[in-house]
Amino acid sequence: MAELILGGQKSGKSRRAELLARDWLAGDAARSAVLIATAPGHDDEMRARIARHRADRAARVPGLATVEEPLRLAETIVALSTPRTLLVVDCLTLWLTNRLMPLAGPSCTAQALEADLQALEEAVRRAGGPLLLVGNEIGLGVVPMGREVRAFVDALGLLNQRMAACCARVTLMAAGLPLVLKDGTA
C-alpha cells in the first residue's frame, strides 16, 4: 500500500514516515526499511542539515537504511521495492526541485518531466511492498510574485495530485498531527 504524507515545513511529515517505518520494522524481524533521500548536499548548510537528519533518523529508527538518489526516483523505487521492504521517499518536493531547478546543468524539458512523472506513477502503482511518499504542500499561501516560482508551485501541486491519485492513503500533517484525507484504494 502506498501513502502520500503532505505538509508544510516542520509539520511533522518526515517524523510520521519514520514512526511508520519503525512500527513496520517492529512487526517482523524479517522486514527491512529503506529511506530514499532526494536532497543533494550542495552547500555547507545543507550538508550539515543532511548529517543532522541522518543522526536523528539513526537514533529514532536504527534499522532504517538510506539510499541517496536525487533524480532517478522511479527507477530506485522499482529496484528496491519488495513485499518485505518498506520504502520511504523523502521528499518529492526536493526531487521535483532537482528536476526543474538543478544547481548544475539545464533543467529538464516539459516532455522529460512528463515522462518522469509517468514513470513515477507506474512505480508507485506497481510497488511490490509498502511505500511512503513525503512531500510539501505549499499551495495554501499567497501567489508567488516570480514567474519561475509560480510555475514551480503549479508543478508541485500537480505532482501532489497525481501521487494522491496513485496512493491508497493520503495524510496531511499540521502541527505534528495527521489528518487523513484519503483512506481506501488507489
C-alpha atoms as a PDB file:
ATOM      1  CA  MET A   1       0.000   0.000   0.000  1.00  0.00           C
ATOM      2  CA  ALA A   2       1.243   3.488  -0.841  1.00  0.00           C
ATOM      3  CA  GLU A   3       0.672   6.518   1.376  1.00  0.00           C
ATOM      4  CA  LEU A   4       1.297  10.152   0.477  1.00  0.00           C
ATOM      5  CA  ILE A   5       2.197  12.279   3.502  1.00  0.00           C
ATOM      6  CA  LEU A   6       1.920  16.004   2.797  1.00  0.00           C
ATOM      7  CA  GLY A   7       2.515  19.024   4.991  1.00  0.00           C
ATOM      8  CA  GLY A   8       4.270  22.321   5.333  1.00  0.00           C
ATOM      9  CA  GLN A   9       7.792  22.920   6.582  1.00  0.00           C
ATOM     10  CA  LYS A  10       8.326  21.324  10.018  1.00  0.00           C
ATOM     11  CA  SER A  11       4.749  19.976  10.056  1.00  0.00           C
ATOM     12  CA  GLY A  12       5.828  16.502  11.209  1.00  0.00           C
ATOM     13  CA  LYS A  13       5.568  14.705   7.861  1.00  0.00           C
ATOM     14  CA  SER A  14       9.068  13.159   7.917  1.00  0.00           C
ATOM     15  CA  ARG A  15       8.676  12.216  11.568  1.00  0.00           C
ATOM     16  CA  ARG A  16       5.386  10.455  10.779  1.00  0.00           C
ATOM     17  CA  ALA A  17       7.052   8.484   7.968  1.00  0.00           C
ATOM     18  CA  GLU A  18       9.893   7.500  10.308  1.00  0.00           C
ATOM     19  CA  LEU A  19       7.475   6.346  13.012  1.00  0.00           C
ATOM     20  CA  LEU A  20       5.532   4.275  10.482  1.00  0.00           C
ATOM     21  CA  ALA A  21       8.844   2.737   9.344  1.00  0.00           C
ATOM     22  CA  ARG A  22       9.772   1.996  12.967  1.00  0.00           C
ATOM     23  CA  ASP A  23       6.423   0.271  13.519  1.00  0.00           C
ATOM     24  CA  TRP A  24       6.844  -1.701  10.271  1.00  0.00           C
ATOM     25  CA  LEU A  25      10.268  -2.939  11.356  1.00  0.00           C
ATOM     26  CA  ALA A  26       8.992  -3.864  14.830  1.00  0.00           C
ATOM     27  CA  GLY A  27       6.239  -6.017  13.309  1.00  0.00           C
ATOM     28  CA  ASP A  28       8.588  -8.703  11.926  1.00  0.00           C
ATOM     29  CA  ALA A  29      12.346  -9.224  12.216  1.00  0.00           C
ATOM     30  CA  ALA A  30      12.485 -10.317   8.560  1.00  0.00           C
ATOM     31  CA  ARG A  31      11.297  -6.910   7.355  1.00  0.00           C
ATOM     32  CA  SER A  32      13.511  -4.091   6.149  1.00  0.00           C
ATOM     33  CA  ALA A  33      13.014  -0.380   5.525  1.00  0.00           C
ATOM     34  CA  VAL A  34      14.880   1.979   3.210  1.00  0.00           C
ATOM     35  CA  LEU A  35      14.721   5.755   3.057  1.00  0.00           C
ATOM     36  CA  ILE A  36      15.257   7.152  -0.433  1.00  0.00           C
ATOM     37  CA  ALA A  37      16.718  10.609   0.238  1.00  0.00           C
ATOM     38  CA  THR A  38      16.376  13.111  -2.606  1.00  0.00           C
ATOM     39  CA  ALA A  39      18.261  16.070  -1.094  1.00  0.00           C
ATOM     40  CA  PRO A  40      21.677  16.801  -2.595  1.00  0.00           C
ATOM     41  CA  GLY A  41      24.233  18.469  -0.310  1.00  0.00           C
ATOM     42  CA  HIS A  42      25.265  21.392  -2.485  1.00  0.00           C
ATOM     43  CA  ASP A  43      26.405  23.741   0.280  1.00  0.00           C
ATOM     44  CA  ASP A  44      27.782  23.584   3.821  1.00  0.00           C
ATOM     45  CA  GLU A  45      24.451  24.336   5.487  1.00  0.00           C
ATOM     46  CA  MET A  46      22.651  21.627   3.511  1.00  0.00           C
ATOM     47  CA  ARG A  47      25.410  19.085   4.154  1.00  0.00           C
ATOM     48  CA  ALA A  48      25.161  19.849   7.884  1.00  0.00           C
ATOM     49  CA  ARG A  49      21.372  19.522   7.736  1.00  0.00           C
ATOM     50  CA  ILE A  50      21.656  16.155   5.958  1.00  0.00           C
ATOM     51  CA  ALA A  51      24.176  14.919   8.555  1.00  0.00           C
ATOM     52  CA  ARG A  52      21.857  16.024  11.381  1.00  0.00           C
ATOM     53  CA  HIS A  53      18.880  14.258   9.758  1.00  0.00           C
ATOM     54  CA  ARG A  54      20.938  11.067   9.333  1.00  0.00           C
ATOM     55  CA  ALA A  55      21.943  11.094  13.002  1.00  0.00           C
ATOM     56  CA  ASP A  56      18.400  11.840  14.169  1.00  0.00           C
ATOM     57  CA  ARG A  57      16.951   9.059  11.976  1.00  0.00           C
ATOM     58  CA  ALA A  58      19.550   6.563  13.190  1.00  0.00           C
ATOM     59  CA  ALA A  59      18.537   7.307  16.778  1.00  0.00           C
ATOM     60  CA  ARG A  60      14.786   7.104  16.113  1.00  0.00           C
ATOM     61  CA  VAL A  61      14.753   4.227  13.608  1.00  0.00           C
ATOM     62  CA  PRO A  62      18.009   2.261  13.870  1.00  0.00           C
ATOM     63  CA  GLY A  63      17.050  -0.274  11.184  1.00  0.00           C
ATOM     64  CA  LEU A  64      16.209   2.315   8.532  1.00  0.00           C
ATOM     65  CA  ALA A  65      18.790   2.171   5.733  1.00  0.00           C
ATOM     66  CA  THR A  66      19.358   5.191   3.492  1.00  0.00           C
ATOM     67  CA  VAL A  67      19.884   5.424  -0.262  1.00  0.00           C
ATOM     68  CA  GLU A  68      20.597   8.848  -1.728  1.00  0.00           C
ATOM     69  CA  GLU A  69      19.010   9.412  -5.131  1.00  0.00           C
ATOM     70  CA  PRO A  70      18.177  12.977  -6.170  1.00  0.00           C
ATOM     71  CA  LEU A  71      16.992  12.250  -9.733  1.00  0.00           C
ATOM     72  CA  ARG A  72      16.226   8.615 -10.651  1.00  0.00           C
ATOM     73  CA  LEU A  73      13.335   8.182  -8.237  1.00  0.00           C
ATOM     74  CA  ALA A  74      11.058   5.852 -10.225  1.00  0.00           C
ATOM     75  CA  GLU A  75      13.947   3.534 -11.104  1.00  0.00           C
ATOM     76  CA  THR A  76      15.063   3.420  -7.472  1.00  0.00           C
ATOM     77  CA  ILE A  77      11.575   2.558  -6.227  1.00  0.00           C
ATOM     78  CA  VAL A  78      11.334  -0.256  -8.789  1.00  0.00           C
ATOM     79  CA  ALA A  79      14.794  -1.574  -7.875  1.00  0.00           C
ATOM     80  CA  LEU A  80      14.264  -1.571  -4.090  1.00  0.00           C
ATOM     81  CA  SER A  81      10.584  -2.416  -3.638  1.00  0.00           C
ATOM     82  CA  THR A  82       9.801  -5.891  -2.286  1.00  0.00           C
ATOM     83  CA  PRO A  83       6.933  -7.238  -0.176  1.00  0.00           C
ATOM     84  CA  ARG A  84       9.172  -7.278   2.932  1.00  0.00           C
ATOM     85  CA  THR A  85      10.739  -3.840   2.347  1.00  0.00           C
ATOM     86  CA  LEU A  86       9.043  -0.567   3.254  1.00  0.00           C
ATOM     87  CA  LEU A  87      10.298   2.371   1.203  1.00  0.00           C
ATOM     88  CA  VAL A  88      10.194   5.968   2.429  1.00  0.00           C
ATOM     89  CA  VAL A  89      10.730   8.674  -0.200  1.00  0.00           C
ATOM     90  CA  ASP A  90      11.769  11.921   1.452  1.00  0.00           C
ATOM     91  CA  CYS A  91      10.964  14.034  -0.351  1.00  0.00           C
ATOM     92  CA  LEU A  92       9.022  14.514  -3.576  1.00  0.00           C
ATOM     93  CA  THR A  93       9.403  18.293  -3.407  1.00  0.00           C
ATOM     94  CA  LEU A  94      13.196  18.136  -3.475  1.00  0.00           C
ATOM     95  CA  TRP A  95      13.082  15.574  -6.282  1.00  0.00           C
ATOM     96  CA  LEU A  96      10.940  17.968  -8.341  1.00  0.00           C
ATOM     97  CA  THR A  97      13.295  20.827  -7.483  1.00  0.00           C
ATOM     98  CA  ASN A  98      16.249  18.743  -8.663  1.00  0.00           C
ATOM     99  CA  ARG A  99      14.453  18.156 -11.977  1.00  0.00           C
ATOM    100  CA  LEU A 100      13.159  21.686 -12.582  1.00  0.00           C
ATOM    101  CA  MET A 101      15.812  23.863 -10.933  1.00  0.00           C
ATOM    102  CA  PRO A 102      19.104  21.954 -10.828  1.00  0.00           C
ATOM    103  CA  LEU A 103      22.114  23.791  -9.443  1.00  0.00           C
ATOM    104  CA  ALA A 104      24.293  22.339 -12.199  1.00  0.00           C
ATOM    105  CA  GLY A 105      23.198  21.931 -15.795  1.00  0.00           C
ATOM    106  CA  PRO A 106      19.943  22.744 -17.527  1.00  0.00           C
ATOM    107  CA  SER A 107      16.521  21.903 -16.170  1.00  0.00           C
ATOM    108  CA  CYS A 108      14.611  19.068 -17.769  1.00  0.00           C
ATOM    109  CA  THR A 109      12.221  19.703 -20.617  1.00  0.00           C
ATOM    110  CA  ALA A 110       8.469  19.527 -20.182  1.00  0.00           C
ATOM    111  CA  GLN A 111       8.479  16.260 -22.129  1.00  0.00           C
ATOM    112  CA  ALA A 112      11.231  14.759 -19.944  1.00  0.00           C
ATOM    113  CA  LEU A 113       9.398  15.784 -16.771  1.00  0.00           C
ATOM    114  CA  GLU A 114       6.159  14.249 -18.048  1.00  0.00           C
ATOM    115  CA  ALA A 115       7.994  11.004 -18.818  1.00  0.00           C
ATOM    116  CA  ASP A 116       9.487  11.051 -15.302  1.00  0.00           C
ATOM    117  CA  LEU A 117       6.061  11.652 -13.762  1.00  0.00           C
ATOM    118  CA  GLN A 118       4.505   8.812 -15.731  1.00  0.00           C
ATOM    119  CA  ALA A 119       7.346   6.502 -14.684  1.00  0.00           C
ATOM    120  CA  LEU A 120       6.889   7.586 -11.052  1.00  0.00           C
ATOM    121  CA  GLU A 121       3.134   6.936 -11.195  1.00  0.00           C
ATOM    122  CA  GLU A 122       3.799   3.476 -12.628  1.00  0.00           C
ATOM    123  CA  ALA A 123       6.448   2.734  -9.968  1.00  0.00           C
ATOM    124  CA  VAL A 124       4.066   3.773  -7.172  1.00  0.00           C
ATOM    125  CA  ARG A 125       1.195   1.706  -8.563  1.00  0.00           C
ATOM    126  CA  ARG A 126       3.388  -1.370  -9.067  1.00  0.00           C
ATOM    127  CA  ALA A 127       5.426  -1.154  -5.857  1.00  0.00           C
ATOM    128  CA  GLY A 128       5.930  -4.655  -4.509  1.00  0.00           C
ATOM    129  CA  GLY A 129       5.750  -3.529  -0.894  1.00  0.00           C
ATOM    130  CA  PRO A 130       4.646  -0.628   1.288  1.00  0.00           C
ATOM    131  CA  LEU A 131       5.656   2.833   0.142  1.00  0.00           C
ATOM    132  CA  LEU A 132       5.558   6.174   1.980  1.00  0.00           C
ATOM    133  CA  LEU A 133       5.920   9.329  -0.115  1.00  0.00           C
ATOM    134  CA  VAL A 134       6.711  12.537   1.755  1.00  0.00           C
ATOM    135  CA  GLY A 135       6.113  15.908   0.111  1.00  0.00           C
ATOM    136  CA  ASN A 136       5.413  19.540   0.819  1.00  0.00           C
ATOM    137  CA  GLU A 137       2.046  21.195   0.498  1.00  0.00           C
ATOM    138  CA  ILE A 138       2.952  24.749  -0.459  1.00  0.00           C
ATOM    139  CA  GLY A 139      -0.186  25.824  -2.311  1.00  0.00           C
ATOM    140  CA  LEU A 140      -2.031  27.148   0.738  1.00  0.00           C
ATOM    141  CA  GLY A 141      -0.293  30.533   0.862  1.00  0.00           C
ATOM    142  CA  VAL A 142      -0.094  33.615  -1.268  1.00  0.00           C
ATOM    143  CA  VAL A 143       0.546  33.516  -5.013  1.00  0.00           C
ATOM    144  CA  PRO A 144       4.314  33.953  -5.560  1.00  0.00           C
ATOM    145  CA  MET A 145       5.399  37.053  -7.445  1.00  0.00           C
ATOM    146  CA  GLY A 146       8.026  35.451  -9.694  1.00  0.00           C
ATOM    147  CA  ARG A 147       7.086  33.537 -12.858  1.00  0.00           C
ATOM    148  CA  GLU A 148       9.523  30.687 -12.109  1.00  0.00           C
ATOM    149  CA  VAL A 149       8.257  30.273  -8.547  1.00  0.00           C
ATOM    150  CA  ARG A 150       4.630  30.297  -9.701  1.00  0.00           C
ATOM    151  CA  ALA A 151       5.493  27.614 -12.268  1.00  0.00           C
ATOM    152  CA  PHE A 152       7.165  25.511  -9.566  1.00  0.00           C
ATOM    153  CA  VAL A 153       4.200  25.839  -7.175  1.00  0.00           C
ATOM    154  CA  ASP A 154       1.880  24.796 -10.018  1.00  0.00           C
ATOM    155  CA  ALA A 155       4.108  21.820 -10.914  1.00  0.00           C
ATOM    156  CA  LEU A 156       4.287  20.694  -7.285  1.00  0.00           C
ATOM    157  CA  GLY A 157       0.518  20.953  -6.900  1.00  0.00           C
ATOM    158  CA  LEU A 158       0.040  18.773  -9.978  1.00  0.00           C
ATOM    159  CA  LEU A 159       2.681  16.280  -8.740  1.00  0.00           C
ATOM    160  CA  ASN A 160       0.859  16.037  -5.397  1.00  0.00           C
ATOM    161  CA  GLN A 161      -2.465  15.466  -7.153  1.00  0.00           C
ATOM    162  CA  ARG A 162      -1.003  12.730  -9.352  1.00  0.00           C
ATOM    163  CA  MET A 163       0.628  10.979  -6.405  1.00  0.00           C
ATOM    164  CA  ALA A 164      -2.573  11.265  -4.347  1.00  0.00           C
ATOM    165  CA  ALA A 165      -4.443   9.539  -7.168  1.00  0.00           C
ATOM    166  CA  CYS A 166      -1.911   6.654  -7.085  1.00  0.00           C
ATOM    167  CA  CYS A 167      -1.892   6.214  -3.313  1.00  0.00           C
ATOM    168  CA  ALA A 168      -4.453   4.332  -1.259  1.00  0.00           C
ATOM    169  CA  ARG A 169      -3.891   6.689   1.668  1.00  0.00           C
ATOM    170  CA  VAL A 170      -3.190  10.436   1.809  1.00  0.00           C
ATOM    171  CA  THR A 171      -2.367  12.185   5.069  1.00  0.00           C
ATOM    172  CA  LEU A 172      -1.964  15.921   5.646  1.00  0.00           C
ATOM    173  CA  MET A 173       0.266  16.876   8.575  1.00  0.00           C
ATOM    174  CA  ALA A 174      -0.231  20.093  10.548  1.00  0.00           C
ATOM    175  CA  ALA A 175       1.454  20.893  13.877  1.00  0.00           C
ATOM    176  CA  GLY A 176       2.592  17.279  14.153  1.00  0.00           C
ATOM    177  CA  LEU A 177      -0.954  15.971  13.829  1.00  0.00           C
ATOM    178  CA  PRO A 178      -2.161  13.735  10.989  1.00  0.00           C
ATOM    179  CA  LEU A 179      -5.361  14.492   9.124  1.00  0.00           C
ATOM    180  CA  VAL A 180      -6.336  11.583   6.863  1.00  0.00           C
ATOM    181  CA  LEU A 181      -7.617  12.940   3.555  1.00  0.00           C
ATOM    182  CA  LYS A 182      -7.995   9.593   1.800  1.00  0.00           C
ATOM    183  CA  ASP A 183      -8.163   6.132   3.279  1.00  0.00           C
ATOM    184  CA  GLY A 184      -9.014   3.479   0.771  1.00  0.00           C
ATOM    185  CA  THR A 185      -7.888   2.090  -2.523  1.00  0.00           C
ATOM    186  CA  ALA A 186      -5.964   3.994  -5.156  1.00  0.00           C
END
